[in-house]
Amino acid sequence: MYDMSVPPALRAAVRCDLLEARRRLNDALEAEANYAARYWEWLRLVGYGTTDAGQYMGPVTALMAAHAREDGFPDGTIARCLQVTTGQVDELCAAGADYNDGVHGRHARPGGDEVRHRIGMIRRESFAELIGLV
């Protein structure tokens, strides 16, 4: 497992979220440079950009944890790579399960997070060419 290549569906979803986060951080950097003379605007725009970027990091980290566990990685390895405690891995994997199912094109779980599942499906569709679906 340690020498296998990254599954294309995982790469596609992670790439999409990281690109979105980067776009939000770029917005924050641009605002930081352009609004220094107007503190309120600076605070508002830099704040929006950074918090918007942060909204992508939790779900993508949870997705990576859920996917890695599904692929057989030990919890200690997942914890080390994602810089969390081994006690947090269960929580991360649970949080990423619906996203992971969507990324794989699996049906939503009864009682699961339908929004996160749909986002996984959208990520899969958005990068269908990258992951070899078309």
N, C-alpha and C. Protein backbone atom coordinates (compact mmCIF):
# COMPACT_ATOMS: atom_id res chain seq x y z
N MET A 1 0.81 -1.20 0.00
CA MET A 1 0.00 0.00 0.00
C MET A 1 0.85 1.26 0.00
N TYR A 2 2.02 1.23 0.63
CA TYR A 2 2.84 2.42 0.73
C TYR A 2 3.49 2.81 -0.60
N ASP A 3 3.56 1.88 -1.53
CA ASP A 3 4.16 2.21 -2.81
C ASP A 3 3.14 2.28 -3.93
N MET A 4 1.85 2.21 -3.60
CA MET A 4 0.82 2.32 -4.64
C MET A 4 0.66 3.78 -5.05
N SER A 5 0.16 4.00 -6.25
CA SER A 5 -0.06 5.37 -6.69
C SER A 5 -1.37 5.89 -6.10
N VAL A 6 -1.49 7.20 -6.06
CA VAL A 6 -2.69 7.83 -5.50
C VAL A 6 -3.87 7.54 -6.43
N PRO A 7 -4.99 7.07 -5.89
CA PRO A 7 -6.16 6.81 -6.72
C PRO A 7 -6.61 8.09 -7.43
N PRO A 8 -6.90 8.00 -8.73
CA PRO A 8 -7.27 9.19 -9.50
C PRO A 8 -8.46 9.96 -8.94
N ALA A 9 -9.48 9.27 -8.44
CA ALA A 9 -10.65 9.97 -7.90
C ALA A 9 -10.27 10.80 -6.68
N LEU A 10 -9.39 10.28 -5.85
CA LEU A 10 -8.93 11.04 -4.68
C LEU A 10 -8.13 12.25 -5.13
N ARG A 11 -7.22 12.04 -6.08
CA ARG A 11 -6.44 13.17 -6.59
C ARG A 11 -7.34 14.26 -7.14
N ALA A 12 -8.36 13.87 -7.88
CA ALA A 12 -9.26 14.84 -8.50
C ALA A 12 -9.98 15.68 -7.45
N ALA A 13 -10.53 15.03 -6.45
CA ALA A 13 -11.27 15.76 -5.42
C ALA A 13 -10.35 16.66 -4.60
N VAL A 14 -9.20 16.13 -4.21
CA VAL A 14 -8.26 16.93 -3.42
C VAL A 14 -7.76 18.12 -4.24
N ARG A 15 -7.43 17.88 -5.48
CA ARG A 15 -6.97 18.97 -6.34
C ARG A 15 -8.02 20.07 -6.45
N CYS A 16 -9.26 19.68 -6.65
CA CYS A 16 -10.33 20.65 -6.79
C CYS A 16 -10.45 21.51 -5.53
N ASP A 17 -10.46 20.87 -4.36
CA ASP A 17 -10.58 21.62 -3.12
C ASP A 17 -9.37 22.50 -2.87
N LEU A 18 -8.18 22.00 -3.17
CA LEU A 18 -6.98 22.81 -2.97
C LEU A 18 -6.95 24.00 -3.92
N LEU A 19 -7.39 23.81 -5.14
CA LEU A 19 -7.46 24.94 -6.08
C LEU A 19 -8.45 25.99 -5.60
N GLU A 20 -9.58 25.55 -5.06
CA GLU A 20 -10.56 26.50 -4.52
C GLU A 20 -9.98 27.25 -3.33
N ALA A 21 -9.31 26.52 -2.44
CA ALA A 21 -8.70 27.18 -1.28
C ALA A 21 -7.64 28.18 -1.73
N ARG A 22 -6.82 27.77 -2.70
CA ARG A 22 -5.78 28.68 -3.21
C ARG A 22 -6.40 29.94 -3.82
N ARG A 23 -7.50 29.77 -4.53
CA ARG A 23 -8.16 30.94 -5.13
C ARG A 23 -8.61 31.90 -4.04
N ARG A 24 -9.16 31.36 -2.95
CA ARG A 24 -9.61 32.21 -1.85
C ARG A 24 -8.42 32.89 -1.17
N LEU A 25 -7.31 32.16 -1.02
CA LEU A 25 -6.12 32.76 -0.42
C LEU A 25 -5.52 33.83 -1.33
N ASN A 26 -5.57 33.60 -2.63
CA ASN A 26 -5.10 34.63 -3.57
C ASN A 26 -5.96 35.89 -3.45
N ASP A 27 -7.27 35.72 -3.28
CA ASP A 27 -8.14 36.87 -3.07
C ASP A 27 -7.73 37.63 -1.80
N ALA A 28 -7.42 36.88 -0.75
CA ALA A 28 -7.00 37.49 0.52
C ALA A 28 -5.68 38.23 0.34
N LEU A 29 -4.74 37.64 -0.39
CA LEU A 29 -3.46 38.30 -0.63
C LEU A 29 -3.63 39.57 -1.44
N GLU A 30 -4.49 39.52 -2.42
CA GLU A 30 -4.74 40.72 -3.23
C GLU A 30 -5.36 41.82 -2.38
N ALA A 31 -6.33 41.45 -1.56
CA ALA A 31 -6.95 42.44 -0.68
C ALA A 31 -5.94 42.99 0.32
N GLU A 32 -5.08 42.12 0.83
CA GLU A 32 -4.07 42.55 1.79
C GLU A 32 -3.17 43.62 1.18
N ALA A 33 -2.84 43.45 -0.08
CA ALA A 33 -1.96 44.41 -0.75
C ALA A 33 -2.68 45.70 -1.14
N ASN A 34 -3.96 45.62 -1.45
CA ASN A 34 -4.67 46.76 -2.03
C ASN A 34 -5.50 47.59 -1.05
N TYR A 35 -5.73 47.10 0.14
CA TYR A 35 -6.63 47.82 1.04
C TYR A 35 -5.98 48.23 2.36
N ALA A 36 -4.66 48.30 2.40
CA ALA A 36 -3.97 48.64 3.64
C ALA A 36 -4.35 50.02 4.16
N ALA A 37 -4.73 50.93 3.29
CA ALA A 37 -5.08 52.28 3.70
C ALA A 37 -6.50 52.35 4.28
N ARG A 38 -7.28 51.32 4.11
CA ARG A 38 -8.67 51.30 4.61
C ARG A 38 -8.85 50.03 5.47
N TYR A 39 -8.58 50.21 6.74
CA TYR A 39 -8.54 49.08 7.67
C TYR A 39 -9.80 48.22 7.61
N TRP A 40 -10.97 48.84 7.64
CA TRP A 40 -12.22 48.07 7.63
C TRP A 40 -12.31 47.18 6.39
N GLU A 41 -12.04 47.74 5.22
CA GLU A 41 -12.08 46.95 3.99
C GLU A 41 -11.01 45.86 3.99
N TRP A 42 -9.84 46.21 4.48
CA TRP A 42 -8.76 45.23 4.59
C TRP A 42 -9.18 44.07 5.47
N LEU A 43 -9.67 44.39 6.66
CA LEU A 43 -10.09 43.36 7.61
C LEU A 43 -11.19 42.48 7.02
N ARG A 44 -12.17 43.08 6.40
CA ARG A 44 -13.29 42.36 5.83
C ARG A 44 -12.85 41.44 4.70
N LEU A 45 -12.10 41.97 3.75
CA LEU A 45 -11.74 41.18 2.57
C LEU A 45 -10.67 40.13 2.86
N VAL A 46 -9.69 40.48 3.66
CA VAL A 46 -8.67 39.49 4.03
C VAL A 46 -9.31 38.42 4.92
N GLY A 47 -10.17 38.85 5.80
CA GLY A 47 -10.87 37.90 6.66
C GLY A 47 -11.74 36.94 5.88
N TYR A 48 -12.52 37.47 4.93
CA TYR A 48 -13.36 36.60 4.11
C TYR A 48 -12.52 35.59 3.34
N GLY A 49 -11.45 36.08 2.73
CA GLY A 49 -10.61 35.18 1.92
C GLY A 49 -9.99 34.06 2.72
N THR A 50 -9.47 34.40 3.90
CA THR A 50 -8.82 33.36 4.70
C THR A 50 -9.83 32.39 5.29
N THR A 51 -10.95 32.90 5.78
CA THR A 51 -11.93 31.96 6.34
C THR A 51 -12.59 31.13 5.25
N ASP A 52 -12.80 31.71 4.08
CA ASP A 52 -13.33 30.93 2.96
C ASP A 52 -12.36 29.81 2.57
N ALA A 53 -11.08 30.11 2.53
CA ALA A 53 -10.08 29.08 2.21
C ALA A 53 -10.10 27.97 3.26
N GLY A 54 -10.22 28.37 4.50
CA GLY A 54 -10.24 27.40 5.58
C GLY A 54 -11.42 26.44 5.51
N GLN A 55 -12.52 26.88 4.91
CA GLN A 55 -13.70 26.01 4.80
C GLN A 55 -13.43 24.78 3.95
N TYR A 56 -12.42 24.83 3.10
CA TYR A 56 -12.09 23.69 2.25
C TYR A 56 -11.14 22.71 2.92
N MET A 57 -10.43 23.15 3.92
CA MET A 57 -9.37 22.32 4.48
C MET A 57 -9.89 21.18 5.35
N GLY A 58 -10.91 21.43 6.16
CA GLY A 58 -11.45 20.36 6.99
C GLY A 58 -12.02 19.21 6.17
N PRO A 59 -12.91 19.51 5.23
CA PRO A 59 -13.47 18.42 4.42
C PRO A 59 -12.43 17.66 3.60
N VAL A 60 -11.45 18.35 3.05
CA VAL A 60 -10.47 17.64 2.22
C VAL A 60 -9.57 16.78 3.10
N THR A 61 -9.27 17.23 4.30
CA THR A 61 -8.48 16.42 5.23
C THR A 61 -9.28 15.18 5.65
N ALA A 62 -10.57 15.36 5.91
CA ALA A 62 -11.43 14.23 6.28
C ALA A 62 -11.54 13.24 5.12
N LEU A 63 -11.65 13.76 3.92
CA LEU A 63 -11.71 12.89 2.74
C LEU A 63 -10.43 12.05 2.63
N MET A 64 -9.28 12.69 2.79
CA MET A 64 -8.03 11.95 2.69
C MET A 64 -7.95 10.87 3.77
N ALA A 65 -8.40 11.19 4.97
CA ALA A 65 -8.38 10.20 6.06
C ALA A 65 -9.29 9.02 5.73
N ALA A 66 -10.51 9.30 5.31
CA ALA A 66 -11.47 8.23 5.01
C ALA A 66 -10.96 7.35 3.87
N HIS A 67 -10.42 7.99 2.86
CA HIS A 67 -9.93 7.25 1.70
C HIS A 67 -8.71 6.39 2.08
N ALA A 68 -7.80 6.97 2.86
CA ALA A 68 -6.60 6.23 3.26
C ALA A 68 -6.98 5.02 4.13
N ARG A 69 -7.92 5.21 5.02
CA ARG A 69 -8.34 4.07 5.85
C ARG A 69 -8.98 2.99 4.98
N GLU A 70 -9.82 3.41 4.04
CA GLU A 70 -10.45 2.45 3.14
C GLU A 70 -9.40 1.68 2.34
N ASP A 71 -8.31 2.35 2.02
CA ASP A 71 -7.23 1.70 1.27
C ASP A 71 -6.29 0.89 2.15
N GLY A 72 -6.57 0.84 3.45
CA GLY A 72 -5.82 -0.03 4.34
C GLY A 72 -4.68 0.60 5.12
N PHE A 73 -4.56 1.91 5.07
CA PHE A 73 -3.50 2.55 5.85
C PHE A 73 -3.84 2.48 7.33
N PRO A 74 -2.85 2.19 8.18
CA PRO A 74 -3.09 2.15 9.62
C PRO A 74 -3.40 3.55 10.16
N ASP A 75 -4.19 3.57 11.22
CA ASP A 75 -4.56 4.86 11.82
C ASP A 75 -3.34 5.68 12.23
N GLY A 76 -2.29 5.03 12.71
CA GLY A 76 -1.09 5.76 13.10
C GLY A 76 -0.45 6.49 11.93
N THR A 77 -0.45 5.86 10.78
CA THR A 77 0.10 6.49 9.58
C THR A 77 -0.77 7.67 9.15
N ILE A 78 -2.08 7.45 9.17
CA ILE A 78 -3.01 8.53 8.80
C ILE A 78 -2.82 9.72 9.74
N ALA A 79 -2.76 9.43 11.04
CA ALA A 79 -2.59 10.50 12.02
C ALA A 79 -1.29 11.27 11.80
N ARG A 80 -0.23 10.55 11.56
CA ARG A 80 1.08 11.19 11.35
C ARG A 80 1.07 12.08 10.11
N CYS A 81 0.51 11.56 9.02
CA CYS A 81 0.51 12.31 7.76
C CYS A 81 -0.41 13.53 7.80
N LEU A 82 -1.50 13.44 8.55
CA LEU A 82 -2.46 14.55 8.61
C LEU A 82 -2.28 15.41 9.85
N GLN A 83 -1.23 15.09 10.63
CA GLN A 83 -0.86 15.88 11.81
C GLN A 83 -2.00 16.00 12.81
N VAL A 84 -2.60 14.85 13.10
CA VAL A 84 -3.63 14.76 14.13
C VAL A 84 -3.24 13.63 15.09
N THR A 85 -3.97 13.48 16.17
CA THR A 85 -3.72 12.37 17.07
C THR A 85 -4.43 11.13 16.53
N THR A 86 -3.97 9.97 16.95
CA THR A 86 -4.63 8.75 16.50
C THR A 86 -6.08 8.72 16.97
N GLY A 87 -6.37 9.37 18.08
CA GLY A 87 -7.74 9.45 18.57
C GLY A 87 -8.65 10.27 17.67
N GLN A 88 -8.09 11.15 16.87
CA GLN A 88 -8.89 11.99 15.97
C GLN A 88 -9.17 11.32 14.63
N VAL A 89 -8.50 10.23 14.35
CA VAL A 89 -8.64 9.59 13.03
C VAL A 89 -10.06 9.06 12.83
N ASP A 90 -10.65 8.44 13.85
CA ASP A 90 -12.03 7.95 13.72
C ASP A 90 -12.98 9.09 13.37
N GLU A 91 -12.83 10.20 14.05
CA GLU A 91 -13.69 11.36 13.81
C GLU A 91 -13.48 11.90 12.39
N LEU A 92 -12.24 12.00 11.97
CA LEU A 92 -11.95 12.47 10.62
C LEU A 92 -12.54 11.54 9.56
N CYS A 93 -12.36 10.24 9.76
CA CYS A 93 -12.87 9.26 8.79
C CYS A 93 -14.38 9.30 8.72
N ALA A 94 -15.02 9.46 9.86
CA ALA A 94 -16.49 9.57 9.87
C ALA A 94 -16.93 10.83 9.14
N ALA A 95 -16.21 11.93 9.38
CA ALA A 95 -16.55 13.19 8.72
C ALA A 95 -16.33 13.12 7.21
N GLY A 96 -15.39 12.31 6.77
CA GLY A 96 -15.08 12.21 5.35
C GLY A 96 -15.78 11.09 4.61
N ALA A 97 -16.53 10.26 5.32
CA ALA A 97 -17.14 9.08 4.71
C ALA A 97 -18.10 9.42 3.58
N ASP A 98 -18.97 10.38 3.79
CA ASP A 98 -19.97 10.73 2.77
C ASP A 98 -19.31 11.38 1.56
N TYR A 99 -18.33 12.23 1.82
CA TYR A 99 -17.57 12.86 0.74
C TYR A 99 -16.86 11.77 -0.07
N ASN A 100 -16.24 10.82 0.63
CA ASN A 100 -15.53 9.73 -0.02
C ASN A 100 -16.48 8.88 -0.88
N ASP A 101 -17.66 8.59 -0.36
CA ASP A 101 -18.65 7.83 -1.14
C ASP A 101 -19.02 8.57 -2.41
N GLY A 102 -19.21 9.88 -2.31
CA GLY A 102 -19.54 10.67 -3.49
C GLY A 102 -18.42 10.67 -4.51
N VAL A 103 -17.19 10.80 -4.03
CA VAL A 103 -16.03 10.78 -4.91
C VAL A 103 -15.95 9.47 -5.68
N HIS A 104 -16.36 8.39 -5.03
CA HIS A 104 -16.32 7.06 -5.66
C HIS A 104 -17.57 6.77 -6.49
N GLY A 105 -18.54 7.67 -6.47
CA GLY A 105 -19.77 7.44 -7.22
C GLY A 105 -20.70 6.43 -6.56
N ARG A 106 -20.50 6.20 -5.28
CA ARG A 106 -21.37 5.26 -4.55
C ARG A 106 -22.63 5.98 -4.09
N HIS A 107 -23.64 5.22 -3.79
CA HIS A 107 -24.90 5.78 -3.29
C HIS A 107 -24.68 6.42 -1.92
N ALA A 108 -25.50 7.43 -1.65
CA ALA A 108 -25.44 8.09 -0.34
C ALA A 108 -25.89 7.12 0.75
N ARG A 109 -25.31 7.25 1.90
CA ARG A 109 -25.69 6.42 3.04
C ARG A 109 -26.97 6.96 3.66
N PRO A 110 -27.85 6.09 4.08
CA PRO A 110 -29.05 6.56 4.79
C PRO A 110 -28.63 7.34 6.04
N GLY A 111 -29.17 8.52 6.19
CA GLY A 111 -28.85 9.35 7.34
C GLY A 111 -27.52 10.06 7.24
N GLY A 112 -26.82 9.91 6.12
CA GLY A 112 -25.52 10.56 5.96
C GLY A 112 -25.66 12.03 5.57
N ASP A 113 -24.54 12.65 5.37
CA ASP A 113 -24.49 14.06 4.98
C ASP A 113 -24.68 14.15 3.47
N GLU A 114 -25.90 14.43 3.06
CA GLU A 114 -26.23 14.46 1.64
C GLU A 114 -25.49 15.57 0.89
N VAL A 115 -25.27 16.68 1.56
CA VAL A 115 -24.55 17.80 0.92
C VAL A 115 -23.11 17.39 0.64
N ARG A 116 -22.45 16.83 1.62
CA ARG A 116 -21.05 16.43 1.43
C ARG A 116 -20.95 15.33 0.37
N HIS A 117 -21.92 14.41 0.36
CA HIS A 117 -21.94 13.35 -0.66
C HIS A 117 -22.08 13.98 -2.04
N ARG A 118 -22.96 14.94 -2.18
CA ARG A 118 -23.18 15.58 -3.47
C ARG A 118 -21.93 16.35 -3.90
N ILE A 119 -21.26 16.98 -2.97
CA ILE A 119 -20.01 17.67 -3.31
C ILE A 119 -19.00 16.67 -3.84
N GLY A 120 -18.93 15.51 -3.23
CA GLY A 120 -18.04 14.45 -3.74
C GLY A 120 -18.40 14.06 -5.16
N MET A 121 -19.70 13.94 -5.43
CA MET A 121 -20.15 13.60 -6.79
C MET A 121 -19.76 14.72 -7.77
N ILE A 122 -19.93 15.95 -7.34
CA ILE A 122 -19.59 17.10 -8.20
C ILE A 122 -18.09 17.11 -8.47
N ARG A 123 -17.29 16.87 -7.44
CA ARG A 123 -15.84 16.83 -7.64
C ARG A 123 -15.49 15.73 -8.65
N ARG A 124 -16.14 14.60 -8.53
CA ARG A 124 -15.90 13.48 -9.44
C ARG A 124 -16.26 13.89 -10.87
N GLU A 125 -17.40 14.52 -11.03
CA GLU A 125 -17.85 14.95 -12.36
C GLU A 125 -16.97 16.06 -12.92
N SER A 126 -16.56 16.98 -12.05
CA SER A 126 -15.74 18.12 -12.50
C SER A 126 -14.39 17.68 -13.06
N PHE A 127 -13.85 16.62 -12.52
CA PHE A 127 -12.54 16.16 -12.93
C PHE A 127 -12.61 14.78 -13.58
N ALA A 128 -13.75 14.51 -14.24
CA ALA A 128 -13.96 13.19 -14.87
C ALA A 128 -12.84 12.84 -15.85
N GLU A 129 -12.37 13.81 -16.59
CA GLU A 129 -11.32 13.53 -17.56
C GLU A 129 -10.02 13.12 -16.86
N LEU A 130 -9.69 13.85 -15.79
CA LEU A 130 -8.47 13.54 -15.03
C LEU A 130 -8.51 12.12 -14.49
N ILE A 131 -9.68 11.70 -13.99
CA ILE A 131 -9.75 10.40 -13.35
C ILE A 131 -10.16 9.29 -14.33
N GLY A 132 -10.22 9.61 -15.61
CA GLY A 132 -10.42 8.59 -16.63
C GLY A 132 -11.85 8.10 -16.79
N LEU A 133 -12.83 8.93 -16.45
CA LEU A 133 -14.22 8.52 -16.60
C LEU A 133 -14.80 8.85 -17.97
N VAL A 134 -14.10 9.67 -18.73
CA VAL A 134 -14.60 10.03 -20.09
C VAL A 134 -13.60 9.61 -21.14
